[in-house]
Full PDB file with SEQRES, HELIX, SHEET, SSBOND, CRYST1, ORIGX, SCALE, CONECT and MASTER records, all heavy atoms in Angstrom:
SEQRES   1 A   38  SER GLY ALA TYR TYR PHE ASN LYS TYR VAL GLY ALA GLU          
SEQRES   2 A   38  GLY ILE PHE ILE ASP ASN PRO ASP GLY VAL ASN ASP GLY          
SEQRES   3 A   38  PHE GLN ALA GLY TYR LEU GLY PRO ILE PHE ARG ALA              
SHEET    1 AA1 3 GLY A   2  TYR A   5  0                                        
SHEET    2 AA1 3 VAL A  10  ASN A  19 -1                                        
SHEET    3 AA1 3 PHE A  27  PHE A  36 -1                                        
CRYST1    1.000    1.000    1.000  90.00  90.00  90.00 P 1           1          
ORIGX1      1.000000  0.000000  0.000000        0.00000                         
ORIGX2      0.000000  1.000000  0.000000        0.00000                         
ORIGX3      0.000000  0.000000  1.000000        0.00000                         
SCALE1      1.000000  0.000000  0.000000        0.00000                         
SCALE2      0.000000  1.000000  0.000000        0.00000                         
SCALE3      0.000000  0.000000  1.000000        0.00000                         
ATOM      1  N   SER A   1     -13.896  23.356  15.828  1.00  0.00           N  
ATOM      2  CA  SER A   1     -14.579  24.269  16.753  1.00  0.00           C  
ATOM      3  C   SER A   1     -16.079  24.163  16.568  1.00  0.00           C  
ATOM      4  O   SER A   1     -16.570  23.766  15.514  1.00  0.00           O  
ATOM      5  CB  SER A   1     -14.120  25.716  16.520  1.00  0.00           C  
ATOM      6  OG  SER A   1     -14.559  26.180  15.249  1.00  0.00           O  
ATOM      7  N   GLY A   2     -16.760  24.528  17.625  1.00  0.00           N  
ATOM      8  CA  GLY A   2     -18.224  24.608  17.572  1.00  0.00           C  
ATOM      9  C   GLY A   2     -18.667  25.882  18.237  1.00  0.00           C  
ATOM     10  O   GLY A   2     -18.252  26.174  19.363  1.00  0.00           O  
ATOM     11  N   ALA A   3     -19.496  26.656  17.557  1.00  0.00           N  
ATOM     12  CA  ALA A   3     -19.970  27.933  18.091  1.00  0.00           C  
ATOM     13  C   ALA A   3     -21.498  27.905  18.163  1.00  0.00           C  
ATOM     14  O   ALA A   3     -22.174  27.512  17.198  1.00  0.00           O  
ATOM     15  CB  ALA A   3     -19.504  29.076  17.211  1.00  0.00           C  
ATOM     16  N   TYR A   4     -22.017  28.340  19.288  1.00  0.00           N  
ATOM     17  CA  TYR A   4     -23.469  28.489  19.471  1.00  0.00           C  
ATOM     18  C   TYR A   4     -23.749  29.972  19.658  1.00  0.00           C  
ATOM     19  O   TYR A   4     -23.206  30.617  20.572  1.00  0.00           O  
ATOM     20  CB  TYR A   4     -23.952  27.709  20.687  1.00  0.00           C  
ATOM     21  CG  TYR A   4     -25.431  27.859  20.940  1.00  0.00           C  
ATOM     22  CD1 TYR A   4     -26.343  27.020  20.317  1.00  0.00           C  
ATOM     23  CD2 TYR A   4     -25.908  28.847  21.793  1.00  0.00           C  
ATOM     24  CE1 TYR A   4     -27.696  27.158  20.534  1.00  0.00           C  
ATOM     25  CE2 TYR A   4     -27.262  29.001  22.020  1.00  0.00           C  
ATOM     26  CZ  TYR A   4     -28.157  28.152  21.376  1.00  0.00           C  
ATOM     27  OH  TYR A   4     -29.506  28.306  21.593  1.00  0.00           O  
ATOM     28  N   TYR A   5     -24.640  30.525  18.807  1.00  0.00           N  
ATOM     29  CA  TYR A   5     -24.899  31.957  18.835  1.00  0.00           C  
ATOM     30  C   TYR A   5     -26.213  32.233  19.563  1.00  0.00           C  
ATOM     31  O   TYR A   5     -27.249  31.631  19.274  1.00  0.00           O  
ATOM     32  CB  TYR A   5     -24.950  32.509  17.411  1.00  0.00           C  
ATOM     33  CG  TYR A   5     -23.601  32.532  16.749  1.00  0.00           C  
ATOM     34  CD1 TYR A   5     -23.172  31.470  15.951  1.00  0.00           C  
ATOM     35  CD2 TYR A   5     -22.725  33.592  16.954  1.00  0.00           C  
ATOM     36  CE1 TYR A   5     -21.919  31.480  15.347  1.00  0.00           C  
ATOM     37  CE2 TYR A   5     -21.466  33.603  16.365  1.00  0.00           C  
ATOM     38  CZ  TYR A   5     -21.070  32.546  15.573  1.00  0.00           C  
ATOM     39  OH  TYR A   5     -19.829  32.551  15.007  1.00  0.00           O  
ATOM     40  N   PHE A   6     -26.078  33.170  20.490  1.00  0.00           N  
ATOM     41  CA  PHE A   6     -27.266  33.565  21.256  1.00  0.00           C  
ATOM     42  C   PHE A   6     -28.150  34.504  20.454  1.00  0.00           C  
ATOM     43  O   PHE A   6     -29.359  34.566  20.669  1.00  0.00           O  
ATOM     44  CB  PHE A   6     -26.841  34.245  22.556  1.00  0.00           C  
ATOM     45  CG  PHE A   6     -25.891  33.413  23.374  1.00  0.00           C  
ATOM     46  CD1 PHE A   6     -24.577  33.823  23.589  1.00  0.00           C  
ATOM     47  CD2 PHE A   6     -26.301  32.209  23.922  1.00  0.00           C  
ATOM     48  CE1 PHE A   6     -23.704  33.058  24.339  1.00  0.00           C  
ATOM     49  CE2 PHE A   6     -25.429  31.442  24.683  1.00  0.00           C  
ATOM     50  CZ  PHE A   6     -24.119  31.867  24.884  1.00  0.00           C  
ATOM     51  N   ASN A   7     -27.551  35.250  19.570  1.00  0.00           N  
ATOM     52  CA  ASN A   7     -28.298  36.136  18.690  1.00  0.00           C  
ATOM     53  C   ASN A   7     -27.527  36.251  17.392  1.00  0.00           C  
ATOM     54  O   ASN A   7     -26.639  35.434  17.109  1.00  0.00           O  
ATOM     55  CB  ASN A   7     -28.548  37.498  19.344  1.00  0.00           C  
ATOM     56  CG  ASN A   7     -27.277  38.154  19.823  1.00  0.00           C  
ATOM     57  OD1 ASN A   7     -26.269  38.129  19.123  1.00  0.00           O  
ATOM     58  ND2 ASN A   7     -27.304  38.743  21.019  1.00  0.00           N  
ATOM     59  N   LYS A   8     -27.822  37.250  16.651  1.00  0.00           N  
ATOM     60  CA  LYS A   8     -27.209  37.389  15.337  1.00  0.00           C  
ATOM     61  C   LYS A   8     -25.713  37.663  15.411  1.00  0.00           C  
ATOM     62  O   LYS A   8     -24.963  37.313  14.486  1.00  0.00           O  
ATOM     63  CB  LYS A   8     -27.922  38.520  14.586  1.00  0.00           C  
ATOM     64  CG  LYS A   8     -27.509  38.699  13.140  1.00  0.00           C  
ATOM     65  CD  LYS A   8     -28.367  39.774  12.485  1.00  0.00           C  
ATOM     66  CE  LYS A   8     -27.979  39.962  11.022  1.00  0.00           C  
ATOM     67  NZ  LYS A   8     -28.808  40.987  10.357  1.00  0.00           N  
ATOM     68  N   TYR A   9     -25.240  38.224  16.557  1.00  0.00           N  
ATOM     69  CA  TYR A   9     -23.864  38.699  16.614  1.00  0.00           C  
ATOM     70  C   TYR A   9     -22.995  38.019  17.664  1.00  0.00           C  
ATOM     71  O   TYR A   9     -21.775  37.962  17.509  1.00  0.00           O  
ATOM     72  CB  TYR A   9     -23.847  40.210  16.890  1.00  0.00           C  
ATOM     73  CG  TYR A   9     -24.641  40.998  15.890  1.00  0.00           C  
ATOM     74  CD1 TYR A   9     -25.902  41.494  16.217  1.00  0.00           C  
ATOM     75  CD2 TYR A   9     -24.156  41.236  14.614  1.00  0.00           C  
ATOM     76  CE1 TYR A   9     -26.643  42.230  15.308  1.00  0.00           C  
ATOM     77  CE2 TYR A   9     -24.887  41.964  13.686  1.00  0.00           C  
ATOM     78  CZ  TYR A   9     -26.138  42.452  14.040  1.00  0.00           C  
ATOM     79  OH  TYR A   9     -26.870  43.158  13.123  1.00  0.00           O  
ATOM     80  N   VAL A  10     -23.548  37.518  18.755  1.00  0.00           N  
ATOM     81  CA  VAL A  10     -22.760  37.062  19.895  1.00  0.00           C  
ATOM     82  C   VAL A  10     -23.072  35.611  20.176  1.00  0.00           C  
ATOM     83  O   VAL A  10     -24.238  35.192  20.141  1.00  0.00           O  
ATOM     84  CB  VAL A  10     -23.036  37.919  21.148  1.00  0.00           C  
ATOM     85  CG1 VAL A  10     -22.191  37.424  22.330  1.00  0.00           C  
ATOM     86  CG2 VAL A  10     -22.754  39.381  20.866  1.00  0.00           C  
ATOM     87  N   GLY A  11     -21.987  34.840  20.492  1.00  0.00           N  
ATOM     88  CA  GLY A  11     -22.165  33.454  20.845  1.00  0.00           C  
ATOM     89  C   GLY A  11     -21.046  32.969  21.731  1.00  0.00           C  
ATOM     90  O   GLY A  11     -20.195  33.738  22.202  1.00  0.00           O  
ATOM     91  N   ALA A  12     -21.040  31.670  21.990  1.00  0.00           N  
ATOM     92  CA  ALA A  12     -19.983  31.024  22.763  1.00  0.00           C  
ATOM     93  C   ALA A  12     -19.350  29.953  21.891  1.00  0.00           C  
ATOM     94  O   ALA A  12     -20.042  29.284  21.100  1.00  0.00           O  
ATOM     95  CB  ALA A  12     -20.552  30.427  24.038  1.00  0.00           C  
ATOM     96  N   GLU A  13     -18.018  29.779  22.057  1.00  0.00           N  
ATOM     97  CA  GLU A  13     -17.292  28.885  21.163  1.00  0.00           C  
ATOM     98  C   GLU A  13     -16.369  27.970  21.950  1.00  0.00           C  
ATOM     99  O   GLU A  13     -15.795  28.375  22.984  1.00  0.00           O  
ATOM    100  CB  GLU A  13     -16.469  29.693  20.161  1.00  0.00           C  
ATOM    101  CG  GLU A  13     -15.738  28.854  19.127  1.00  0.00           C  
ATOM    102  CD  GLU A  13     -14.916  29.707  18.181  1.00  0.00           C  
ATOM    103  OE1 GLU A  13     -14.489  30.806  18.582  1.00  0.00           O  
ATOM    104  OE2 GLU A  13     -14.737  29.267  17.019  1.00  0.00           O  
ATOM    105  N   GLY A  14     -16.244  26.760  21.486  1.00  0.00           N  
ATOM    106  CA  GLY A  14     -15.270  25.828  22.007  1.00  0.00           C  
ATOM    107  C   GLY A  14     -14.357  25.355  20.880  1.00  0.00           C  
ATOM    108  O   GLY A  14     -14.847  25.064  19.777  1.00  0.00           O  
ATOM    109  N   ILE A  15     -13.026  25.290  21.164  1.00  0.00           N  
ATOM    110  CA  ILE A  15     -12.065  24.939  20.121  1.00  0.00           C  
ATOM    111  C   ILE A  15     -11.165  23.823  20.642  1.00  0.00           C  
ATOM    112  O   ILE A  15     -10.719  23.839  21.805  1.00  0.00           O  
ATOM    113  CB  ILE A  15     -11.218  26.152  19.715  1.00  0.00           C  
ATOM    114  CG1 ILE A  15     -12.111  27.269  19.125  1.00  0.00           C  
ATOM    115  CG2 ILE A  15     -10.151  25.759  18.700  1.00  0.00           C  
ATOM    116  CD1 ILE A  15     -11.340  28.516  18.754  1.00  0.00           C  
ATOM    117  N   PHE A  16     -10.875  22.875  19.761  1.00  0.00           N  
ATOM    118  CA  PHE A  16      -9.868  21.854  20.030  1.00  0.00           C  
ATOM    119  C   PHE A  16      -8.842  21.905  18.911  1.00  0.00           C  
ATOM    120  O   PHE A  16      -9.210  21.912  17.722  1.00  0.00           O  
ATOM    121  CB  PHE A  16     -10.477  20.455  20.099  1.00  0.00           C  
ATOM    122  CG  PHE A  16      -9.452  19.376  20.205  1.00  0.00           C  
ATOM    123  CD1 PHE A  16      -8.815  19.131  21.419  1.00  0.00           C  
ATOM    124  CD2 PHE A  16      -9.082  18.629  19.087  1.00  0.00           C  
ATOM    125  CE1 PHE A  16      -7.855  18.136  21.514  1.00  0.00           C  
ATOM    126  CE2 PHE A  16      -8.135  17.636  19.185  1.00  0.00           C  
ATOM    127  CZ  PHE A  16      -7.505  17.384  20.412  1.00  0.00           C  
ATOM    128  N   ILE A  17      -7.542  21.922  19.294  1.00  0.00           N  
ATOM    129  CA  ILE A  17      -6.459  21.983  18.314  1.00  0.00           C  
ATOM    130  C   ILE A  17      -5.448  20.893  18.644  1.00  0.00           C  
ATOM    131  O   ILE A  17      -5.069  20.699  19.813  1.00  0.00           O  
ATOM    132  CB  ILE A  17      -5.762  23.361  18.334  1.00  0.00           C  
ATOM    133  CG1 ILE A  17      -6.783  24.497  18.181  1.00  0.00           C  
ATOM    134  CG2 ILE A  17      -4.704  23.442  17.242  1.00  0.00           C  
ATOM    135  CD1 ILE A  17      -6.198  25.882  18.366  1.00  0.00           C  
ATOM    136  N   ASP A  18      -5.000  20.216  17.604  1.00  0.00           N  
ATOM    137  CA  ASP A  18      -3.969  19.194  17.788  1.00  0.00           C  
ATOM    138  C   ASP A  18      -2.856  19.442  16.766  1.00  0.00           C  
ATOM    139  O   ASP A  18      -3.084  19.363  15.554  1.00  0.00           O  
ATOM    140  CB  ASP A  18      -4.562  17.803  17.591  1.00  0.00           C  
ATOM    141  CG  ASP A  18      -3.540  16.704  17.913  1.00  0.00           C  
ATOM    142  OD1 ASP A  18      -2.490  17.022  18.482  1.00  0.00           O  
ATOM    143  OD2 ASP A  18      -3.845  15.536  17.580  1.00  0.00           O  
ATOM    144  N   ASN A  19      -1.655  19.781  17.299  1.00  0.00           N  
ATOM    145  CA  ASN A  19      -0.449  19.932  16.469  1.00  0.00           C  
ATOM    146  C   ASN A  19       0.593  18.929  16.980  1.00  0.00           C  
ATOM    147  O   ASN A  19       1.452  19.266  17.799  1.00  0.00           O  
ATOM    148  CB  ASN A  19       0.106  21.351  16.565  1.00  0.00           C  
ATOM    149  CG  ASN A  19      -0.933  22.394  16.180  1.00  0.00           C  
ATOM    150  OD1 ASN A  19      -1.464  23.087  17.045  1.00  0.00           O  
ATOM    151  ND2 ASN A  19      -1.212  22.515  14.888  1.00  0.00           N  
ATOM    152  N   PRO A  20       0.569  17.683  16.519  1.00  0.00           N  
ATOM    153  CA  PRO A  20       1.349  16.630  17.172  1.00  0.00           C  
ATOM    154  C   PRO A  20       2.726  16.369  16.572  1.00  0.00           C  
ATOM    155  O   PRO A  20       3.516  15.655  17.156  1.00  0.00           O  
ATOM    156  CB  PRO A  20       0.475  15.412  16.963  1.00  0.00           C  
ATOM    157  CG  PRO A  20      -0.164  15.659  15.629  1.00  0.00           C  
ATOM    158  CD  PRO A  20      -0.355  17.137  15.527  1.00  0.00           C  
ATOM    159  N   ASP A  21       3.033  16.911  15.411  1.00  0.00           N  
ATOM    160  CA  ASP A  21       4.193  16.397  14.664  1.00  0.00           C  
ATOM    161  C   ASP A  21       5.288  17.436  14.476  1.00  0.00           C  
ATOM    162  O   ASP A  21       5.806  17.663  13.380  1.00  0.00           O  
ATOM    163  CB  ASP A  21       3.738  15.877  13.297  1.00  0.00           C  
ATOM    164  CG  ASP A  21       2.812  14.681  13.451  1.00  0.00           C  
ATOM    165  OD1 ASP A  21       3.012  13.910  14.405  1.00  0.00           O  
ATOM    166  OD2 ASP A  21       1.886  14.547  12.620  1.00  0.00           O  
ATOM    167  N   GLY A  22       5.686  18.128  15.577  1.00  0.00           N  
ATOM    168  CA  GLY A  22       6.849  19.004  15.488  1.00  0.00           C  
ATOM    169  C   GLY A  22       8.143  18.205  15.644  1.00  0.00           C  
ATOM    170  O   GLY A  22       8.139  16.971  15.645  1.00  0.00           O  
ATOM    171  N   VAL A  23       9.258  18.924  15.796  1.00  0.00           N  
ATOM    172  CA  VAL A  23      10.549  18.246  16.019  1.00  0.00           C  
ATOM    173  C   VAL A  23      10.598  17.864  17.492  1.00  0.00           C  
ATOM    174  O   VAL A  23      11.120  18.608  18.338  1.00  0.00           O  
ATOM    175  CB  VAL A  23      11.731  19.154  15.640  1.00  0.00           C  
ATOM    176  CG1 VAL A  23      13.058  18.394  15.824  1.00  0.00           C  
ATOM    177  CG2 VAL A  23      11.591  19.642  14.203  1.00  0.00           C  
ATOM    178  N   ASN A  24       9.942  16.767  17.758  1.00  0.00           N  
ATOM    179  CA  ASN A  24       9.763  16.290  19.132  1.00  0.00           C  
ATOM    180  C   ASN A  24       8.954  17.262  19.976  1.00  0.00           C  
ATOM    181  O   ASN A  24       9.021  17.245  21.184  1.00  0.00           O  
ATOM    182  CB  ASN A  24      11.102  16.004  19.813  1.00  0.00           C  
ATOM    183  CG  ASN A  24      10.948  14.985  20.930  1.00  0.00           C  
ATOM    184  OD1 ASN A  24      10.119  14.078  20.813  1.00  0.00           O  
ATOM    185  ND2 ASN A  24      11.711  15.122  21.998  1.00  0.00           N  
ATOM    186  N   ASP A  25       8.220  18.158  19.242  1.00  0.00           N  
ATOM    187  CA  ASP A  25       7.330  19.096  19.940  1.00  0.00           C  
ATOM    188  C   ASP A  25       5.897  18.711  19.569  1.00  0.00           C  
ATOM    189  O   ASP A  25       5.602  18.408  18.406  1.00  0.00           O  
ATOM    190  CB  ASP A  25       7.583  20.534  19.502  1.00  0.00           C  
ATOM    191  CG  ASP A  25       9.014  20.970  19.800  1.00  0.00           C  
ATOM    192  OD1 ASP A  25       9.559  20.458  20.777  1.00  0.00           O  
ATOM    193  OD2 ASP A  25       9.530  21.829  19.058  1.00  0.00           O  
ATOM    194  N   GLY A  26       5.003  18.787  20.523  1.00  0.00           N  
ATOM    195  CA  GLY A  26       3.600  18.481  20.256  1.00  0.00           C  
ATOM    196  C   GLY A  26       2.695  19.289  21.156  1.00  0.00           C  
ATOM    197  O   GLY A  26       3.030  19.547  22.316  1.00  0.00           O  
ATOM    198  N   PHE A  27       1.521  19.682  20.576  1.00  0.00           N  
ATOM    199  CA  PHE A  27       0.607  20.541  21.334  1.00  0.00           C  
ATOM    200  C   PHE A  27      -0.825  20.071  21.088  1.00  0.00           C  
ATOM    201  O   PHE A  27      -1.251  19.899  19.924  1.00  0.00           O  
ATOM    202  CB  PHE A  27       0.749  22.004  20.887  1.00  0.00           C  
ATOM    203  CG  PHE A  27       2.115  22.565  21.080  1.00  0.00           C  
ATOM    204  CD1 PHE A  27       3.064  22.475  20.063  1.00  0.00           C  
ATOM    205  CD2 PHE A  27       2.463  23.169  22.278  1.00  0.00           C  
ATOM    206  CE1 PHE A  27       4.334  22.976  20.243  1.00  0.00           C  
ATOM    207  CE2 PHE A  27       3.751  23.690  22.439  1.00  0.00           C  
ATOM    208  CZ  PHE A  27       4.690  23.589  21.434  1.00  0.00           C  
ATOM    209  N   GLN A  28      -1.565  19.825  22.155  1.00  0.00           N  
ATOM    210  CA  GLN A  28      -3.015  19.608  22.107  1.00  0.00           C  
ATOM    211  C   GLN A  28      -3.645  20.639  23.033  1.00  0.00           C  
ATOM    212  O   GLN A  28      -3.228  20.767  24.189  1.00  0.00           O  
ATOM    213  CB  GLN A  28      -3.417  18.207  22.545  1.00  0.00           C  
ATOM    214  CG  GLN A  28      -2.973  17.111  21.601  1.00  0.00           C  
ATOM    215  CD  GLN A  28      -1.608  16.580  21.923  1.00  0.00           C  
ATOM    216  OE1 GLN A  28      -1.244  16.438  23.095  1.00  0.00           O  
ATOM    217  NE2 GLN A  28      -0.807  16.307  20.905  1.00  0.00           N  
ATOM    218  N   ALA A  29      -4.674  21.355  22.490  1.00  0.00           N  
ATOM    219  CA  ALA A  29      -5.226  22.463  23.262  1.00  0.00           C  
ATOM    220  C   ALA A  29      -6.736  22.458  23.181  1.00  0.00           C  
ATOM    221  O   ALA A  29      -7.337  22.015  22.182  1.00  0.00           O  
ATOM    222  CB  ALA A  29      -4.681  23.788  22.749  1.00  0.00           C  
ATOM    223  N   GLY A  30      -7.358  22.969  24.210  1.00  0.00           N  
ATOM    224  CA  GLY A  30      -8.809  23.169  24.234  1.00  0.00           C  
ATOM    225  C   GLY A  30      -9.124  24.528  24.807  1.00  0.00           C  
ATOM    226  O   GLY A  30      -8.525  24.942  25.805  1.00  0.00           O  
ATOM    227  N   TYR A  31     -10.102  25.247  24.186  1.00  0.00           N  
ATOM    228  CA  TYR A  31     -10.424  26.612  24.596  1.00  0.00           C  
ATOM    229  C   TYR A  31     -11.937  26.791  24.660  1.00  0.00           C  
ATOM    230  O   TYR A  31     -12.688  26.174  23.888  1.00  0.00           O  
ATOM    231  CB  TYR A  31      -9.846  27.627  23.599  1.00  0.00           C  
ATOM    232  CG  TYR A  31      -8.358  27.622  23.508  1.00  0.00           C  
ATOM    233  CD1 TYR A  31      -7.711  26.825  22.566  1.00  0.00           C  
ATOM    234  CD2 TYR A  31      -7.590  28.424  24.354  1.00  0.00           C  
ATOM    235  CE1 TYR A  31      -6.344  26.819  22.465  1.00  0.00           C  
ATOM    236  CE2 TYR A  31      -6.201  28.414  24.252  1.00  0.00           C  
ATOM    237  CZ  TYR A  31      -5.588  27.616  23.310  1.00  0.00           C  
ATOM    238  OH  TYR A  31      -4.232  27.607  23.218  1.00  0.00           O  
ATOM    239  N   LEU A  32     -12.362  27.688  25.507  1.00  0.00           N  
ATOM    240  CA  LEU A  32     -13.748  28.138  25.581  1.00  0.00           C  
ATOM    241  C   LEU A  32     -13.750  29.647  25.713  1.00  0.00           C  
ATOM    242  O   LEU A  32     -12.899  30.215  26.417  1.00  0.00           O  
ATOM    243  CB  LEU A  32     -14.471  27.532  26.780  1.00  0.00           C  
ATOM    244  CG  LEU A  32     -14.791  26.041  26.733  1.00  0.00           C  
ATOM    245  CD1 LEU A  32     -15.381  25.586  28.062  1.00  0.00           C  
ATOM    246  CD2 LEU A  32     -15.757  25.745  25.597  1.00  0.00           C  
ATOM    247  N   GLY A  33     -14.742  30.284  25.047  1.00  0.00           N  
ATOM    248  CA  GLY A  33     -14.829  31.728  25.168  1.00  0.00           C  
ATOM    249  C   GLY A  33     -15.875  32.303  24.245  1.00  0.00           C  
ATOM    250  O   GLY A  33     -16.502  31.599  23.450  1.00  0.00           O  
ATOM    251  N   PRO A  34     -16.053  33.625  24.321  1.00  0.00           N  
ATOM    252  CA  PRO A  34     -17.055  34.278  23.471  1.00  0.00           C  
ATOM    253  C   PRO A  34     -16.558  34.445  22.037  1.00  0.00           C  
ATOM    254  O   PRO A  34     -15.354  34.492  21.782  1.00  0.00           O  
ATOM    255  CB  PRO A  34     -17.258  35.629  24.142  1.00  0.00           C  
ATOM    256  CG  PRO A  34     -15.956  35.902  24.818  1.00  0.00           C  
ATOM    257  CD  PRO A  34     -15.417  34.575  25.264  1.00  0.00           C  
ATOM    258  N   ILE A  35     -17.542  34.530  21.150  1.00  0.00           N  
ATOM    259  CA  ILE A  35     -17.255  34.798  19.743  1.00  0.00           C  
ATOM    260  C   ILE A  35     -18.211  35.862  19.245  1.00  0.00           C  
ATOM    261  O   ILE A  35     -19.373  35.911  19.667  1.00  0.00           O  
ATOM    262  CB  ILE A  35     -17.340  33.526  18.887  1.00  0.00           C  
ATOM    263  CG1 ILE A  35     -16.936  33.809  17.439  1.00  0.00           C  
ATOM    264  CG2 ILE A  35     -18.741  32.916  18.931  1.00  0.00           C  
ATOM    265  CD1 ILE A  35     -16.773  32.563  16.588  1.00  0.00           C  
ATOM    266  N   PHE A  36     -17.721  36.722  18.381  1.00  0.00           N  
ATOM    267  CA  PHE A  36     -18.493  37.823  17.844  1.00  0.00           C  
ATOM    268  C   PHE A  36     -18.414  37.759  16.319  1.00  0.00           C  
ATOM    269  O   PHE A  36     -17.364  37.431  15.763  1.00  0.00           O  
ATOM    270  CB  PHE A  36     -17.937  39.159  18.343  1.00  0.00           C  
ATOM    271  CG  PHE A  36     -17.813  39.236  19.832  1.00  0.00           C  
ATOM    272  CD1 PHE A  36     -16.629  38.827  20.455  1.00  0.00           C  
ATOM    273  CD2 PHE A  36     -18.850  39.684  20.611  1.00  0.00           C  
ATOM    274  CE1 PHE A  36     -16.504  38.877  21.832  1.00  0.00           C  
ATOM    275  CE2 PHE A  36     -18.720  39.731  21.993  1.00  0.00           C  
ATOM    276  CZ  PHE A  36     -17.563  39.324  22.610  1.00  0.00           C  
ATOM    277  N   ARG A  37     -19.545  38.053  15.668  1.00  0.00           N  
ATOM    278  CA  ARG A  37     -19.537  37.972  14.217  1.00  0.00           C  
ATOM    279  C   ARG A  37     -20.294  39.145  13.614  1.00  0.00           C  
ATOM    280  O   ARG A  37     -21.136  39.780  14.264  1.00  0.00           O  
ATOM    281  CB  ARG A  37     -20.154  36.668  13.739  1.00  0.00           C  
ATOM    282  CG  ARG A  37     -21.639  36.533  14.027  1.00  0.00           C  
ATOM    283  CD  ARG A  37     -22.176  35.205  13.534  1.00  0.00           C  
ATOM    284  NE  ARG A  37     -23.564  35.007  13.961  1.00  0.00           N  
ATOM    285  CZ  ARG A  37     -24.268  33.916  13.684  1.00  0.00           C  
ATOM    286  NH1 ARG A  37     -23.701  32.916  13.020  1.00  0.00           N  
ATOM    287  NH2 ARG A  37     -25.510  33.805  14.102  1.00  0.00           N  
ATOM    288  N   ALA A  38     -19.995  39.383  12.327  1.00  0.00           N  
ATOM    289  CA  ALA A  38     -20.671  40.426  11.563  1.00  0.00           C  
ATOM    290  C   ALA A  38     -21.152  39.812  10.256  1.00  0.00           C  
ATOM    291  O   ALA A  38     -20.412  39.760   9.269  1.00  0.00           O  
ATOM    292  CB  ALA A  38     -19.722  41.596  11.305  1.00  0.00           C  
TER     293      ALA A  38                                                      
MASTER        0    0    0    0    3    0    0    6  292    1    0    3          
END                                                                             
C-alpha cells in the first residue's frame, strides 16, 4: 500500500493484495480510499 497524507491526520491510500495460492482459489485486489491516522 501507499498512503499520501494531506495533513497530520487525513490522507488517501491505494492498496494492492495478491492471495494466489488457495485450493484452486485465488484473489488479486486493488483499492483506493481515505485513510485516517492518530
